[in-house]
Amino acid sequence: MRKKIYALLALCSFAVLEGCTDLKEEVLDETLSAAKLTDKQAADGIIAPVYARLPDIFLHTNYFAIQEISTDEAILPYRGGTDWGDNGIYIAMHQHTYQSTDPNLRNTWNFILQGMSRAITAINTLPTLKDANAKVYLAEARGMRAYYSMLTLDLFGLVFVKEDIGETSKILRGEEAFQYVKNEFLAVEPDLDANVGPGRLSKGAVWGLLARLYLNAAVYRNVYGTANFKADEMDKVIEYCDKIINSGQYKLAADYFSIFNSDNHTNPELIFAVDQRAELNGHNRMAYFSLSGDQFPLPAYPNANGTDGPAITPDFYRTWVDQYSPKDPSEVDPRFYRQNISMYSNPADSCVTDVNFNMNRGILRGQQYGLIRKNGVFLKCPDGKFKVGKLFNDTRNRPTTPVNFTEKVDYSTAGSDYSSGYRVLKYEFSRKSVSGRNFGDADIVIVRLADIYMMRAEAKLRKSNDAASALADVNIVRAARTKPAPALTSMSLDILFKERGFEFYWEMLRRTDMIRFGKYEGTWTEKTNADKLKRIFPIPQTAIDGASNLPGYLKQNQGY
């Protein structure tokens, strides 16, 4: 039997979906592959590309932008009238006026479909290889195709089904799409390995994704209507959450921010994640995206500063304040903020070694302190240590204006200045980065154990209003952290929605949560659009144009 190994994949057969790119498919025939690759090498080489687009999908300006900036959590104004203008795409994303020409939507669409293409190539190639890992890899490839399909269903309201790269995909929506993704996950679960780590699709990862899929099924089958959460589907959520919890394989992290550290690949709370270890393919600016242009997290890199990107909205910040008033949320909830060294809040200059310099984490407010840079170099104390002190907007040519983050952030001149809005530093910057800025080796969380408890709690509420059991699940998560947040005394869907915000802010779950909880048509800072058609995004115009030779094949979503 003639053996073909597809390297680098893709495709012009998928170009009807992506809009044609310059990606090329190289087919290695039997002679060439036999001369250069063992079956083990071929199997390893064919599964790796299936995951390789995840870092691109989860890039701070792709999936993060459309899952967070479209919500009440994040806002990215036109900073100082000069930065992050980008033809208004971040303003449109936040105000729900996004269009089919949005480049972040296009890029996310392309990367998802490229990942799907690579999965299909692997599905067709792996059965021809006589390697011990081929069966597990085949299950992973098919499961990843289902995961990519789940993303297109959630974001764009459709799923593409094909078994060979050369075929034209069948398009499914609604109930059919949900059933397809579900059945694909169920088909691969028996053959997946339980112990491959968070960077690959494991049994636990598929259980978590099935729980998430069942929880959102009511939305996926009727995206513009009122969700009807079926009792049997909520039972399935509970069933798969129970499997994960009862497996004993995962553990809630006592240190909340350790979940997002640069060495989090072995954190026991992670179930499924984007593997970004430095020796692999990490390149995400999640740690820098929100910081000031005058915050420099790494003493070794005087050019690695923040981007003055998105801030949290005052609306989201007020949910924390209202929860814990009259106490400050930083005094009560370990998820809100962690101060790493007291020098940050010391108005006097201080001195610190490079290994002891660590940024504060969480939600950053008020006057900021850090490494002081003048004329391109960091100032040092007489003993050679780095000087830490009050920061000013030097990089913005405002050397007398403090970096003092304010609660107010909006699209007014004052509200879009460089210091407007409280910022978020959740993922840790990488000390192993080769550039100091562009490479991040923290795994980006897709599913973690806290979400399993929260999903189980939600399913119990939606099925039978079992508030007592739901409350217990939420309080398990709260109690797990060092200096735990006080236990809640009551539970409802509104309380749970707020609690999900506290636990998962900046983790790219907010848009999906808001739609499921009926909040996405609400009003928040600079957003009043209540159009239900905006629950899913427009299909990129490049994809519509690429499919124009197939009349009626790829129709634009309603309202675009």
Protein backbone atom coordinates (compact mmCIF):
# COMPACT_ATOMS: atom_id res chain seq x y z
CA MET A 1 0.00 0.00 0.00
CA ARG A 2 1.45 3.33 -1.04
CA LYS A 3 2.13 5.49 2.00
CA LYS A 4 1.79 9.27 1.93
CA ILE A 5 2.80 11.60 4.71
CA TYR A 6 1.47 15.12 4.53
CA ALA A 7 3.80 17.73 5.92
CA LEU A 8 2.65 21.12 6.48
CA LEU A 9 -0.74 20.63 5.37
CA ALA A 10 -3.28 22.91 4.38
CA LEU A 11 -4.56 24.12 2.20
CA CYS A 12 -5.98 25.32 -0.74
CA SER A 13 -8.93 22.97 -0.39
CA PHE A 14 -9.59 24.80 2.85
CA ALA A 15 -8.99 28.08 1.07
CA VAL A 16 -12.70 28.29 0.33
CA LEU A 17 -13.06 28.63 4.06
CA GLU A 18 -10.01 30.73 4.86
CA GLY A 19 -9.63 32.87 1.81
CA CYS A 20 -6.66 31.68 -0.24
CA THR A 21 -3.32 32.17 1.45
CA ASP A 22 0.19 31.35 0.34
CA LEU A 23 0.27 28.23 2.50
CA LYS A 24 1.38 25.22 0.54
CA GLU A 25 0.88 21.52 1.05
CA GLU A 26 3.97 19.36 0.65
CA VAL A 27 3.32 15.68 0.04
CA LEU A 28 6.18 13.38 0.91
CA ASP A 29 5.86 10.18 -1.06
CA GLU A 30 6.80 6.71 0.13
CA THR A 31 10.34 6.79 -1.20
CA LEU A 32 11.25 10.10 0.35
CA SER A 33 9.58 9.33 3.68
CA ALA A 34 11.17 5.90 3.90
CA ALA A 35 14.59 7.36 3.32
CA LYS A 36 14.26 10.05 5.96
CA LEU A 37 11.63 9.14 8.52
CA THR A 38 10.90 6.17 10.72
CA ASP A 39 7.25 5.50 11.50
CA LYS A 40 7.81 6.90 14.97
CA GLN A 41 9.34 10.07 13.57
CA ALA A 42 6.52 10.36 11.08
CA ALA A 43 3.86 9.87 13.78
CA ASP A 44 5.48 12.45 16.05
CA GLY A 45 5.84 14.82 13.13
CA ILE A 46 2.24 14.51 12.02
CA ILE A 47 0.64 15.07 15.46
CA ALA A 48 2.73 18.11 16.42
CA PRO A 49 1.22 20.45 13.76
CA VAL A 50 -2.28 19.55 14.97
CA TYR A 51 -1.55 21.51 18.16
CA ALA A 52 0.79 24.09 16.67
CA ARG A 53 -1.89 26.66 15.78
CA LEU A 54 -3.19 26.89 19.35
CA PRO A 55 -0.65 29.57 20.37
CA ASP A 56 -1.73 31.63 17.34
CA ILE A 57 -5.43 31.22 18.11
CA PHE A 58 -4.87 32.22 21.73
CA LEU A 59 -2.70 35.19 20.82
CA HIS A 60 -3.58 38.29 22.82
CA THR A 61 -4.97 40.05 19.74
CA ASN A 62 -6.94 37.07 18.43
CA TYR A 63 -9.07 34.87 20.69
CA PHE A 64 -8.43 37.02 23.75
CA ALA A 65 -9.63 40.13 21.97
CA ILE A 66 -12.87 38.62 20.72
CA GLN A 67 -13.66 36.75 23.94
CA GLU A 68 -12.78 39.52 26.42
CA ILE A 69 -12.88 42.93 24.74
CA SER A 70 -16.39 42.13 23.47
CA THR A 71 -17.55 41.87 27.10
CA ASP A 72 -18.00 43.84 30.31
CA GLU A 73 -14.55 42.77 31.53
CA ALA A 74 -12.16 44.45 29.11
CA ILE A 75 -11.99 47.66 27.12
CA LEU A 76 -9.25 48.93 24.82
CA PRO A 77 -9.61 52.62 24.00
CA TYR A 78 -7.63 54.63 21.46
CA ARG A 79 -4.73 55.29 23.84
CA GLY A 80 -3.60 58.91 23.88
CA GLY A 81 -5.14 59.42 20.47
CA THR A 82 -2.22 57.59 18.87
CA ASP A 83 -2.08 53.95 20.04
CA TRP A 84 -4.39 51.00 19.47
CA GLY A 85 -6.50 52.89 16.96
CA ASP A 86 -6.37 50.02 14.45
CA ASN A 87 -9.19 51.49 12.38
CA GLY A 88 -11.51 51.27 15.37
CA ILE A 89 -11.67 47.46 15.53
CA TYR A 90 -11.25 47.27 19.31
CA ILE A 91 -13.89 49.93 19.85
CA ALA A 92 -16.23 48.09 17.48
CA MET A 93 -15.53 44.80 19.24
CA HIS A 94 -16.46 46.29 22.60
CA GLN A 95 -19.56 48.07 21.28
CA HIS A 96 -20.79 45.05 19.29
CA THR A 97 -20.53 46.80 15.95
CA TYR A 98 -17.92 44.37 14.62
CA GLN A 99 -17.96 43.58 10.92
CA SER A 100 -16.84 40.80 8.58
CA THR A 101 -13.65 42.71 7.72
CA ASP A 102 -12.32 42.65 11.30
CA PRO A 103 -8.73 41.33 11.03
CA ASN A 104 -8.75 39.68 14.46
CA LEU A 105 -11.84 37.70 13.53
CA ARG A 106 -10.26 36.78 10.20
CA ASN A 107 -7.01 35.68 11.81
CA THR A 108 -8.78 33.62 14.46
CA TRP A 109 -10.97 31.97 11.81
CA ASN A 110 -7.94 31.16 9.64
CA PHE A 111 -5.89 29.71 12.48
CA ILE A 112 -8.77 27.53 13.70
CA LEU A 113 -9.41 26.16 10.23
CA GLN A 114 -5.71 25.58 9.64
CA GLY A 115 -5.61 23.58 12.86
CA MET A 116 -8.62 21.64 11.63
CA SER A 117 -6.89 20.99 8.29
CA ARG A 118 -3.85 19.61 10.06
CA ALA A 119 -6.05 17.38 12.20
CA ILE A 120 -7.72 15.94 9.10
CA THR A 121 -4.34 15.29 7.50
CA ALA A 122 -3.21 13.49 10.65
CA ILE A 123 -6.45 11.46 10.76
CA ASN A 124 -5.80 10.22 7.23
CA THR A 125 -2.08 9.58 7.67
CA LEU A 126 -1.71 8.02 11.12
CA PRO A 127 -3.51 4.74 10.28
CA THR A 128 -0.79 4.02 7.70
CA LEU A 129 1.99 4.18 10.29
CA LYS A 130 3.17 1.18 12.30
CA ASP A 131 4.02 3.03 15.47
CA ALA A 132 2.85 2.21 19.00
CA ASN A 133 1.66 5.79 19.52
CA ALA A 134 -0.34 6.00 16.30
CA LYS A 135 -3.63 4.91 17.88
CA VAL A 136 -3.43 7.50 20.67
CA TYR A 137 -2.28 10.17 18.23
CA LEU A 138 -5.20 9.35 15.96
CA ALA A 139 -7.60 9.86 18.86
CA GLU A 140 -5.91 13.15 19.70
CA ALA A 141 -6.09 14.38 16.12
CA ARG A 142 -9.78 13.51 15.84
CA GLY A 143 -10.45 15.05 19.25
CA MET A 144 -8.63 18.22 18.25
CA ARG A 145 -10.72 18.42 15.10
CA ALA A 146 -13.74 18.30 17.40
CA TYR A 147 -12.25 21.01 19.61
CA TYR A 148 -11.61 23.29 16.65
CA SER A 149 -15.18 22.60 15.52
CA MET A 150 -16.40 23.55 18.98
CA LEU A 151 -14.60 26.88 18.60
CA THR A 152 -16.19 27.64 15.23
CA LEU A 153 -19.59 26.67 16.66
CA ASP A 154 -19.16 28.96 19.66
CA LEU A 155 -17.74 31.91 17.72
CA PHE A 156 -19.42 31.70 14.32
CA GLY A 157 -22.39 29.37 14.83
CA LEU A 158 -21.30 26.64 12.40
CA VAL A 159 -19.19 23.52 12.03
CA PHE A 160 -17.36 22.20 8.96
CA VAL A 161 -17.39 18.43 8.47
CA LYS A 162 -15.02 16.65 6.14
CA GLU A 163 -12.97 13.46 6.25
CA ASP A 164 -10.41 14.28 3.59
CA ILE A 165 -8.61 17.49 2.71
CA GLY A 166 -9.74 17.25 -0.90
CA GLU A 167 -13.44 17.22 -0.07
CA THR A 168 -15.75 20.18 0.17
CA SER A 169 -16.90 20.47 3.75
CA LYS A 170 -20.46 19.95 4.81
CA ILE A 171 -21.69 22.84 6.96
CA LEU A 172 -23.69 22.10 10.11
CA ARG A 173 -25.45 24.51 12.45
CA GLY A 174 -27.55 24.30 15.58
CA GLU A 175 -28.54 20.86 16.87
CA GLU A 176 -26.71 19.01 14.09
CA ALA A 177 -23.49 20.85 14.87
CA PHE A 178 -23.78 20.15 18.59
CA GLN A 179 -24.42 16.46 17.96
CA TYR A 180 -21.45 16.19 15.62
CA VAL A 181 -18.98 17.71 18.09
CA LYS A 182 -20.38 15.63 20.95
CA ASN A 183 -20.18 12.38 19.00
CA GLU A 184 -16.61 13.07 17.92
CA PHE A 185 -15.50 13.64 21.51
CA LEU A 186 -17.31 10.50 22.63
CA ALA A 187 -15.70 8.46 19.85
CA VAL A 188 -12.13 9.34 20.80
CA GLU A 189 -12.38 9.30 24.59
CA PRO A 190 -11.70 5.54 25.02
CA ASP A 191 -8.42 5.73 23.09
CA LEU A 192 -6.97 8.84 24.74
CA ASP A 193 -4.19 8.66 27.30
CA ALA A 194 -5.04 9.93 30.77
CA ASN A 195 -1.51 11.05 31.63
CA VAL A 196 -0.08 13.07 28.75
CA GLY A 197 -0.03 16.43 30.54
CA PRO A 198 -2.09 19.56 29.89
CA GLY A 199 -0.52 20.36 26.52
CA ARG A 200 -2.12 17.37 24.79
CA LEU A 201 -5.67 16.11 24.59
CA SER A 202 -6.19 13.62 27.43
CA LYS A 203 -9.21 11.79 28.79
CA GLY A 204 -9.59 14.51 31.40
CA ALA A 205 -9.41 17.23 28.74
CA VAL A 206 -12.18 15.61 26.71
CA TRP A 207 -14.31 15.14 29.82
CA GLY A 208 -13.90 18.84 30.57
CA LEU A 209 -14.70 19.85 26.99
CA LEU A 210 -17.75 17.59 26.96
CA ALA A 211 -18.98 19.21 30.18
CA ARG A 212 -18.51 22.64 28.59
CA LEU A 213 -20.22 21.52 25.39
CA TYR A 214 -23.26 20.11 27.20
CA LEU A 215 -23.48 23.22 29.39
CA ASN A 216 -23.66 25.44 26.30
CA ALA A 217 -25.80 23.09 24.21
CA ALA A 218 -28.96 25.12 24.79
CA VAL A 219 -27.24 28.17 23.32
CA TYR A 220 -25.66 26.33 20.41
CA ARG A 221 -28.95 24.83 19.22
CA ASN A 222 -30.82 28.16 19.49
CA VAL A 223 -28.24 30.90 19.49
CA TYR A 224 -30.62 33.83 19.03
CA GLY A 225 -33.42 32.60 21.28
CA THR A 226 -33.94 31.91 24.96
CA ALA A 227 -31.82 29.00 26.07
CA ASN A 228 -33.66 25.87 27.18
CA PHE A 229 -31.32 23.95 29.46
CA LYS A 230 -32.36 20.29 29.35
CA ALA A 231 -32.18 18.24 32.52
CA ASP A 232 -30.50 15.29 30.80
CA GLU A 233 -27.78 17.56 29.42
CA MET A 234 -27.19 19.06 32.84
CA ASP A 235 -26.86 15.49 34.10
CA LYS A 236 -24.14 14.98 31.51
CA VAL A 237 -22.31 18.10 32.72
CA ILE A 238 -22.41 16.69 36.24
CA GLU A 239 -21.33 13.25 35.03
CA TYR A 240 -18.20 14.48 33.26
CA CYS A 241 -17.30 16.90 36.03
CA ASP A 242 -17.63 14.00 38.49
CA LYS A 243 -15.26 11.92 36.34
CA ILE A 244 -12.58 14.59 36.55
CA ILE A 245 -13.02 15.33 40.25
CA ASN A 246 -13.22 11.66 41.24
CA SER A 247 -10.18 10.73 39.17
CA GLY A 248 -7.95 12.34 41.79
CA GLN A 249 -5.61 13.36 38.98
CA TYR A 250 -6.10 17.11 39.37
CA LYS A 251 -5.87 19.43 42.36
CA LEU A 252 -6.91 23.00 43.04
CA ALA A 253 -3.84 25.19 43.44
CA ALA A 254 -3.38 26.78 46.85
CA ASP A 255 -1.56 29.71 45.25
CA TYR A 256 -4.04 31.21 42.79
CA PHE A 257 -1.48 33.06 40.70
CA SER A 258 0.75 30.00 40.40
CA ILE A 259 -1.84 28.72 37.92
CA PHE A 260 -0.58 31.43 35.56
CA ASN A 261 3.14 31.36 36.35
CA SER A 262 5.67 30.90 33.59
CA ASP A 263 6.40 27.39 34.93
CA ASN A 264 2.74 26.34 35.19
CA HIS A 265 2.99 23.35 32.83
CA THR A 266 3.11 21.00 35.83
CA ASN A 267 0.50 22.85 37.89
CA PRO A 268 -1.98 20.17 39.02
CA GLU A 269 -4.98 22.41 38.37
CA LEU A 270 -4.40 22.49 34.61
CA ILE A 271 -6.42 19.96 32.62
CA PHE A 272 -6.00 21.28 29.09
CA ALA A 273 -3.84 24.20 28.02
CA VAL A 274 -1.90 25.78 25.18
CA ASP A 275 1.62 24.44 25.64
CA GLN A 276 3.87 27.48 25.48
CA ARG A 277 7.03 26.27 27.16
CA ALA A 278 9.95 28.26 25.84
CA GLU A 279 11.55 25.26 24.20
CA LEU A 280 8.40 24.79 22.14
CA ASN A 281 6.48 27.60 20.48
CA GLY A 282 5.39 30.20 22.99
CA HIS A 283 5.12 33.76 21.70
CA ASN A 284 2.24 35.30 23.59
CA ARG A 285 2.23 38.78 25.11
CA MET A 286 -0.49 38.02 27.62
CA ALA A 287 1.79 39.24 30.42
CA TYR A 288 2.55 42.54 28.71
CA PHE A 289 -0.66 43.36 26.87
CA SER A 290 -2.33 45.37 29.62
CA LEU A 291 0.70 46.95 31.30
CA SER A 292 1.90 50.53 30.98
CA GLY A 293 4.55 51.42 28.45
CA ASP A 294 6.64 52.41 31.46
CA GLN A 295 6.37 49.11 33.28
CA PHE A 296 9.35 46.86 32.62
CA PRO A 297 8.96 43.39 34.15
CA LEU A 298 12.44 42.02 33.35
CA PRO A 299 15.71 43.63 34.53
CA ALA A 300 17.55 41.84 31.71
CA TYR A 301 15.46 43.55 29.01
CA PRO A 302 15.27 47.36 29.11
CA ASN A 303 13.21 47.37 25.89
CA ALA A 304 10.57 44.93 27.10
CA ASN A 305 7.74 47.13 28.30
CA GLY A 306 3.97 47.00 28.40
CA THR A 307 1.75 48.08 25.53
CA ASP A 308 -0.85 50.22 27.38
CA GLY A 309 -3.46 47.80 26.08
CA PRO A 310 -6.80 46.76 27.57
CA ALA A 311 -8.05 47.71 31.01
CA ILE A 312 -10.89 46.27 33.02
CA THR A 313 -14.11 48.25 32.84
CA PRO A 314 -15.38 50.19 35.87
CA ASP A 315 -18.47 47.97 35.71
CA PHE A 316 -16.43 44.82 36.24
CA TYR A 317 -14.29 46.43 38.91
CA ARG A 318 -17.42 47.47 40.80
CA THR A 319 -18.59 43.85 41.03
CA TRP A 320 -15.55 43.23 43.24
CA VAL A 321 -16.14 46.37 45.30
CA ASP A 322 -19.82 45.62 45.80
CA GLN A 323 -19.04 42.05 46.84
CA TYR A 324 -16.65 43.00 49.64
CA SER A 325 -17.58 46.52 50.73
CA PRO A 326 -16.63 48.13 53.08
CA LYS A 327 -13.37 46.15 52.83
CA ASP A 328 -11.11 46.52 49.85
CA PRO A 329 -11.23 43.40 47.63
CA SER A 330 -7.44 43.03 47.85
CA GLU A 331 -7.82 42.43 51.60
CA VAL A 332 -10.42 39.70 51.20
CA ASP A 333 -10.03 37.77 47.97
CA PRO A 334 -6.64 36.29 46.96
CA ARG A 335 -7.68 36.26 43.29
CA PHE A 336 -7.93 40.04 43.06
CA TYR A 337 -4.35 41.09 43.73
CA ARG A 338 -1.03 39.94 45.10
CA GLN A 339 1.74 42.31 46.10
CA ASN A 340 5.06 40.56 45.70
CA ILE A 341 7.50 42.98 47.29
CA SER A 342 6.74 45.92 49.52
CA MET A 343 9.10 48.14 47.54
CA TYR A 344 6.41 48.60 44.93
CA SER A 345 4.29 50.61 47.34
CA ASN A 346 7.16 52.44 48.98
CA PRO A 347 7.24 56.06 47.78
CA ALA A 348 10.98 56.15 48.43
CA ASP A 349 13.35 54.59 45.93
CA SER A 350 14.43 51.09 46.86
CA CYS A 351 17.07 48.67 45.66
CA VAL A 352 16.52 45.08 44.57
CA THR A 353 18.47 42.30 42.87
CA ASP A 354 17.29 41.12 39.49
CA VAL A 355 16.24 37.70 40.82
CA ASN A 356 14.12 39.31 43.55
CA PHE A 357 12.29 41.69 41.27
CA ASN A 358 8.75 40.47 40.62
CA MET A 359 5.78 42.40 39.36
CA ASN A 360 2.60 42.63 41.37
CA ARG A 361 -0.11 40.35 40.02
CA GLY A 362 -3.82 40.60 39.45
CA ILE A 363 -5.68 43.88 39.11
CA LEU A 364 -3.29 46.82 39.30
CA ARG A 365 -4.62 50.14 40.61
CA GLY A 366 -3.26 53.57 41.43
CA GLN A 367 0.35 54.70 41.40
CA GLN A 368 2.70 52.08 39.97
CA TYR A 369 6.26 51.38 41.09
CA GLY A 370 8.96 49.45 39.31
CA LEU A 371 12.27 49.54 37.50
CA ILE A 372 13.24 53.09 36.56
CA ARG A 373 14.57 53.48 33.03
CA LYS A 374 16.41 56.57 31.82
CA ASN A 375 17.98 56.95 28.37
CA GLY A 376 17.34 53.33 27.57
CA VAL A 377 18.96 51.78 30.66
CA PHE A 378 17.73 50.89 34.13
CA LEU A 379 19.03 52.97 37.02
CA LYS A 380 21.05 51.19 39.66
CA CYS A 381 21.82 51.83 43.29
CA PRO A 382 25.42 52.32 44.50
CA ASP A 383 25.58 48.63 45.46
CA GLY A 384 24.74 47.56 41.90
CA LYS A 385 21.18 46.55 42.62
CA PHE A 386 18.34 47.83 40.48
CA LYS A 387 16.54 50.96 41.62
CA VAL A 388 12.81 50.59 42.12
CA GLY A 389 10.62 53.62 42.51
CA LYS A 390 7.65 55.66 41.40
CA LEU A 391 6.99 55.36 37.66
CA PHE A 392 6.32 58.19 35.24
CA ASN A 393 5.24 58.18 31.59
CA ASP A 394 8.75 58.65 30.23
CA THR A 395 8.20 56.47 27.16
CA ARG A 396 5.24 58.69 26.27
CA ASN A 397 7.38 61.83 26.57
CA ARG A 398 5.51 62.81 29.72
CA PRO A 399 8.29 62.51 32.32
CA THR A 400 6.37 64.42 34.99
CA THR A 401 3.07 62.50 34.59
CA PRO A 402 2.87 59.54 36.99
CA VAL A 403 1.83 56.07 35.90
CA ASN A 404 -1.25 56.20 38.09
CA PHE A 405 -3.98 53.82 36.94
CA THR A 406 -7.48 55.22 37.44
CA GLU A 407 -10.82 53.48 37.62
CA LYS A 408 -12.25 55.67 34.87
CA VAL A 409 -11.72 54.37 31.37
CA ASP A 410 -13.89 55.11 28.35
CA TYR A 411 -13.65 56.61 24.87
CA SER A 412 -13.42 60.23 25.97
CA THR A 413 -10.08 62.03 25.72
CA ALA A 414 -9.48 61.74 29.46
CA GLY A 415 -10.81 58.21 29.66
CA SER A 416 -8.53 56.91 26.93
CA ASP A 417 -5.29 58.38 28.20
CA TYR A 418 -2.30 56.17 28.91
CA SER A 419 -3.05 55.73 32.60
CA SER A 420 -6.80 55.29 32.32
CA GLY A 421 -8.27 52.06 33.57
CA TYR A 422 -7.11 49.47 36.07
CA ARG A 423 -4.80 46.95 34.43
CA VAL A 424 -4.42 43.19 34.69
CA LEU A 425 -1.25 41.14 35.11
CA LYS A 426 -2.46 37.58 35.47
CA TYR A 427 0.00 35.56 33.39
CA GLU A 428 3.58 35.85 34.55
CA PHE A 429 6.26 37.23 32.25
CA SER A 430 8.99 34.78 31.25
CA ARG A 431 12.53 35.08 32.55
CA LYS A 432 13.62 32.61 29.87
CA SER A 433 12.31 34.73 27.03
CA VAL A 434 14.74 35.28 24.18
CA SER A 435 13.33 38.72 23.52
CA GLY A 436 12.00 39.76 26.90
CA ARG A 437 8.64 40.55 25.40
CA ASN A 438 7.42 38.52 22.46
CA PHE A 439 7.88 35.06 23.93
CA GLY A 440 5.86 33.80 26.89
CA ASP A 441 6.27 30.29 28.23
CA ALA A 442 3.27 30.17 30.55
CA ASP A 443 0.74 27.63 29.33
CA ILE A 444 -2.49 29.42 28.41
CA VAL A 445 -5.36 27.78 30.28
CA ILE A 446 -8.18 26.20 28.28
CA VAL A 447 -9.72 23.99 31.01
CA ARG A 448 -8.77 23.88 34.69
CA LEU A 449 -10.20 22.18 37.74
CA ALA A 450 -11.87 25.26 39.21
CA ASP A 451 -14.03 25.47 36.08
CA ILE A 452 -15.06 21.86 36.58
CA TYR A 453 -16.44 22.67 40.03
CA MET A 454 -18.11 25.83 38.71
CA MET A 455 -19.69 24.02 35.76
CA ARG A 456 -20.98 21.30 38.05
CA ALA A 457 -22.47 23.96 40.32
CA GLU A 458 -24.17 25.65 37.39
CA ALA A 459 -25.59 22.39 36.07
CA LYS A 460 -27.08 21.63 39.50
CA LEU A 461 -28.72 25.06 39.60
CA ARG A 462 -30.08 24.83 36.07
CA LYS A 463 -31.36 21.28 36.47
CA SER A 464 -33.13 21.39 39.81
CA ASN A 465 -32.15 24.64 41.53
CA ASP A 466 -30.01 22.62 43.94
CA ALA A 467 -28.54 25.73 45.53
CA ALA A 468 -27.03 23.88 48.50
CA SER A 469 -24.90 21.56 46.36
CA ALA A 470 -23.95 24.36 44.01
CA LEU A 471 -22.90 26.52 46.96
CA ALA A 472 -20.73 23.70 48.26
CA ASP A 473 -18.92 23.38 44.92
CA VAL A 474 -18.21 27.10 44.70
CA ASN A 475 -17.00 27.24 48.28
CA ILE A 476 -14.61 24.34 47.61
CA VAL A 477 -12.87 26.55 45.07
CA ARG A 478 -12.88 29.57 47.36
CA ALA A 479 -11.51 27.57 50.28
CA ALA A 480 -8.66 26.04 48.27
CA ARG A 481 -6.65 29.23 47.94
CA THR A 482 -4.07 30.54 50.38
CA LYS A 483 -5.80 33.00 52.72
CA PRO A 484 -9.12 31.88 51.21
CA ALA A 485 -11.92 34.21 50.36
CA PRO A 486 -14.78 34.00 52.87
CA ALA A 487 -17.31 31.29 52.16
CA LEU A 488 -20.47 32.37 50.41
CA THR A 489 -23.71 31.81 52.27
CA SER A 490 -26.16 31.63 49.38
CA MET A 491 -26.15 30.68 45.72
CA SER A 492 -28.10 31.62 42.61
CA LEU A 493 -27.33 31.93 38.93
CA ASP A 494 -26.58 35.64 39.32
CA ILE A 495 -24.21 34.96 42.21
CA LEU A 496 -22.54 32.20 40.23
CA PHE A 497 -22.11 34.44 37.20
CA LYS A 498 -20.39 37.01 39.38
CA GLU A 499 -18.24 34.31 40.97
CA ARG A 500 -17.15 33.07 37.55
CA GLY A 501 -16.01 36.61 36.83
CA PHE A 502 -13.89 36.65 39.99
CA GLU A 503 -12.32 33.26 39.26
CA PHE A 504 -11.84 33.39 35.49
CA TYR A 505 -11.25 37.04 34.57
CA TRP A 506 -8.86 37.46 31.63
CA GLU A 507 -9.15 33.71 30.77
CA MET A 508 -11.18 34.08 27.57
CA LEU A 509 -14.39 32.59 28.95
CA ARG A 510 -16.36 35.77 29.50
CA ARG A 511 -18.21 36.15 26.18
CA THR A 512 -19.40 32.53 26.24
CA ASP A 513 -20.43 32.93 29.88
CA MET A 514 -22.31 36.16 29.22
CA ILE A 515 -24.30 34.63 26.37
CA ARG A 516 -25.19 31.55 28.43
CA PHE A 517 -26.28 33.65 31.41
CA GLY A 518 -28.29 36.05 29.22
CA LYS A 519 -26.02 39.03 29.90
CA TYR A 520 -24.47 39.71 26.50
CA GLU A 521 -27.15 42.18 25.41
CA GLY A 522 -26.64 44.21 28.58
CA THR A 523 -25.25 47.71 29.01
CA TRP A 524 -21.78 48.47 30.33
CA THR A 525 -19.02 51.03 29.87
CA GLU A 526 -19.32 52.42 26.32
CA LYS A 527 -21.65 49.61 25.21
CA THR A 528 -25.43 49.80 24.76
CA ASN A 529 -26.01 47.58 21.71
CA ALA A 530 -28.67 44.98 22.58
CA ASP A 531 -28.77 43.20 19.22
CA LYS A 532 -29.10 39.43 19.79
CA LEU A 533 -27.62 38.76 16.37
CA LYS A 534 -24.25 39.87 17.76
CA ARG A 535 -24.05 36.74 19.93
CA ILE A 536 -22.08 35.13 17.13
CA PHE A 537 -19.54 36.85 14.94
CA PRO A 538 -19.65 37.50 11.21
CA ILE A 539 -17.96 35.02 8.94
CA PRO A 540 -14.87 36.81 7.62
CA GLN A 541 -15.43 38.39 4.22
CA THR A 542 -12.33 36.67 2.89
CA ALA A 543 -13.97 33.31 3.56
CA ILE A 544 -17.20 34.39 1.87
CA ASP A 545 -15.22 35.59 -1.13
CA GLY A 546 -13.16 32.39 -1.20
CA ALA A 547 -16.32 30.31 -1.43
CA SER A 548 -17.92 32.47 -4.13
CA ASN A 549 -17.38 29.75 -6.74
CA LEU A 550 -19.82 27.58 -4.79
CA PRO A 551 -23.09 29.56 -4.91
CA GLY A 552 -25.11 29.32 -1.68
CA TYR A 553 -22.43 27.27 0.07
CA LEU A 554 -21.18 29.67 2.73
CA LYS A 555 -23.83 32.15 3.82
CA GLN A 556 -23.09 35.11 6.04
CA ASN A 557 -24.57 35.05 9.54
CA GLN A 558 -27.68 37.13 10.16
CA GLY A 559 -27.20 40.82 10.78
CA TYR A 560 -23.94 41.23 8.84
